[in-house]
Amino acid sequence: QVQLVESGGGLVQAGGSLRLSCAASGRTFSSDIMGWFRQAPGKEREFVAAISWSGSSTYYADSMKGRFTISRDNAKNTMYLQMNSLKPEDTAVYYCAAGPKMTTRGTDFGSWGQGTQVTVSS
């Protein structure tokens, strides 16, 4: 199983940007589909974005399209989420995940990080 550690969260004003990182260790990282999810207080976990093993295919939740960009660097065993034009409603704990197929369902991802808090102030 791959181990995942997120970083890069923090407090930012509305309209600002953050870049999250997800560092992987353990078994081969490059063969996994990677994804980002988030969970706000009192809400269910929500799909954010996913990226194929090569990075050539990406998929976003509608509310993140045009604002968020997912990428990965297999040589560094790291995945990224560039978040621009942040809104207060983006406030959540963001989790990275690894799994065998491109999907928006969290249950299809077998490995998860511990999460990183993103807070967007108005």
Protein backbone atom coordinates (compact mmCIF):
# COMPACT_ATOMS: atom_id res chain seq x y z
CA GLN A 1 0.00 0.00 0.00
CA VAL A 2 1.24 3.47 -0.78
CA GLN A 3 1.58 6.01 2.02
CA LEU A 4 0.39 9.55 1.30
CA VAL A 5 1.18 12.81 3.08
CA GLU A 6 -0.49 16.10 2.17
CA SER A 7 0.97 19.53 2.75
CA GLY A 8 0.46 23.11 1.67
CA GLY A 9 -2.80 23.92 3.36
CA GLY A 10 -3.35 27.13 5.29
CA LEU A 11 -5.34 30.31 5.64
CA VAL A 12 -5.88 32.47 2.57
CA GLN A 13 -8.18 35.33 1.67
CA ALA A 14 -10.93 34.91 -0.89
CA GLY A 15 -9.53 35.26 -4.38
CA GLY A 16 -6.14 33.96 -3.31
CA SER A 17 -4.25 30.82 -4.27
CA LEU A 18 -2.73 27.79 -2.63
CA ARG A 19 -0.85 24.78 -3.92
CA LEU A 20 -1.32 21.50 -2.15
CA SER A 21 1.18 18.68 -2.42
CA CYS A 22 0.77 14.98 -1.84
CA ALA A 23 3.98 13.02 -1.30
CA ALA A 24 3.81 9.27 -1.83
CA SER A 25 6.03 6.54 -0.49
CA GLY A 26 5.92 2.78 -0.37
CA ARG A 27 5.13 0.82 -3.48
CA THR A 28 5.28 2.24 -7.01
CA PHE A 29 3.42 5.51 -7.22
CA SER A 30 3.41 5.99 -10.96
CA SER A 31 0.92 3.20 -11.65
CA ASP A 32 -1.83 4.69 -9.51
CA ILE A 33 -4.70 6.92 -10.35
CA MET A 34 -4.46 9.82 -7.93
CA GLY A 35 -7.21 12.01 -6.65
CA TRP A 36 -8.09 14.89 -4.38
CA PHE A 37 -11.15 14.98 -2.18
CA ARG A 38 -12.32 17.43 0.43
CA GLN A 39 -14.61 17.46 3.42
CA ALA A 40 -16.09 20.55 4.99
CA PRO A 41 -17.46 20.54 8.55
CA GLY A 42 -20.84 18.89 8.68
CA LYS A 43 -20.70 17.83 5.05
CA GLU A 44 -19.94 14.64 3.21
CA ARG A 45 -16.62 14.01 1.53
CA GLU A 46 -16.59 15.54 -1.95
CA PHE A 47 -14.62 14.66 -5.06
CA VAL A 48 -12.33 17.42 -6.30
CA ALA A 49 -10.13 16.07 -9.10
CA ALA A 50 -8.34 13.00 -10.39
CA ILE A 51 -5.38 12.35 -12.64
CA SER A 52 -4.23 9.32 -14.60
CA TRP A 53 -0.95 7.57 -13.97
CA SER A 54 0.75 9.39 -16.84
CA GLY A 55 -0.84 12.74 -16.08
CA SER A 56 -2.33 12.92 -19.56
CA SER A 57 -5.90 12.56 -18.36
CA THR A 58 -7.54 14.67 -15.70
CA TYR A 59 -11.07 15.04 -14.38
CA TYR A 60 -12.58 17.74 -12.21
CA ALA A 61 -15.74 18.33 -10.27
CA ASP A 62 -17.79 21.00 -12.02
CA SER A 63 -17.35 23.58 -9.27
CA MET A 64 -13.55 23.33 -9.52
CA LYS A 65 -13.17 23.49 -13.30
CA GLY A 66 -11.17 26.49 -14.38
CA ARG A 67 -9.99 27.28 -10.85
CA PHE A 68 -8.16 24.12 -9.76
CA THR A 69 -5.42 22.25 -11.61
CA ILE A 70 -4.26 18.75 -10.71
CA SER A 71 -0.83 17.54 -11.75
CA ARG A 72 1.75 14.95 -10.81
CA ASP A 73 5.47 14.41 -11.00
CA ASN A 74 6.15 10.69 -10.95
CA ALA A 75 9.88 11.22 -10.69
CA LYS A 76 9.27 12.99 -7.38
CA ASN A 77 6.41 10.72 -6.29
CA THR A 78 4.35 13.83 -5.75
CA MET A 79 0.94 15.05 -6.83
CA TYR A 80 -0.22 18.66 -6.71
CA LEU A 81 -3.41 20.66 -6.60
CA GLN A 82 -3.08 24.29 -7.66
CA MET A 83 -6.08 26.20 -6.36
CA ASN A 84 -6.79 29.67 -7.68
CA SER A 85 -9.64 32.13 -7.15
CA LEU A 86 -10.41 30.51 -3.83
CA LYS A 87 -13.82 31.06 -2.26
CA PRO A 88 -14.96 30.72 1.35
CA GLU A 89 -16.94 27.66 0.31
CA ASP A 90 -13.66 25.95 -0.61
CA THR A 91 -12.86 25.77 3.09
CA ALA A 92 -12.37 22.11 3.97
CA VAL A 93 -9.88 19.43 4.84
CA TYR A 94 -8.32 18.27 1.59
CA TYR A 95 -7.27 14.65 1.19
CA CYS A 96 -5.22 12.94 -1.46
CA ALA A 97 -5.92 9.38 -2.44
CA ALA A 98 -4.54 6.63 -4.66
CA GLY A 99 -6.42 3.89 -6.45
CA PRO A 100 -6.56 1.58 -9.45
CA LYS A 101 -9.05 3.41 -11.67
CA MET A 102 -10.25 6.85 -12.70
CA THR A 103 -13.37 7.49 -10.68
CA THR A 104 -15.06 10.15 -8.60
CA ARG A 105 -16.05 7.69 -5.89
CA GLY A 106 -13.94 7.82 -2.79
CA THR A 107 -14.66 4.20 -2.02
CA ASP A 108 -12.69 3.21 -5.12
CA PHE A 109 -9.50 4.72 -3.71
CA GLY A 110 -7.63 2.39 -1.39
CA SER A 111 -4.97 4.68 0.07
CA TRP A 112 -5.55 8.02 1.78
CA GLY A 113 -3.51 10.75 3.36
CA GLN A 114 -4.29 12.37 6.69
CA GLY A 115 -5.55 15.58 5.14
CA THR A 116 -4.53 19.23 5.15
CA GLN A 117 -6.76 22.11 6.25
CA VAL A 118 -7.59 24.87 3.80
CA THR A 119 -9.39 27.89 5.18
CA VAL A 120 -10.56 30.70 2.92
CA SER A 121 -11.61 33.90 4.64
CA SER A 122 -14.09 36.34 3.16
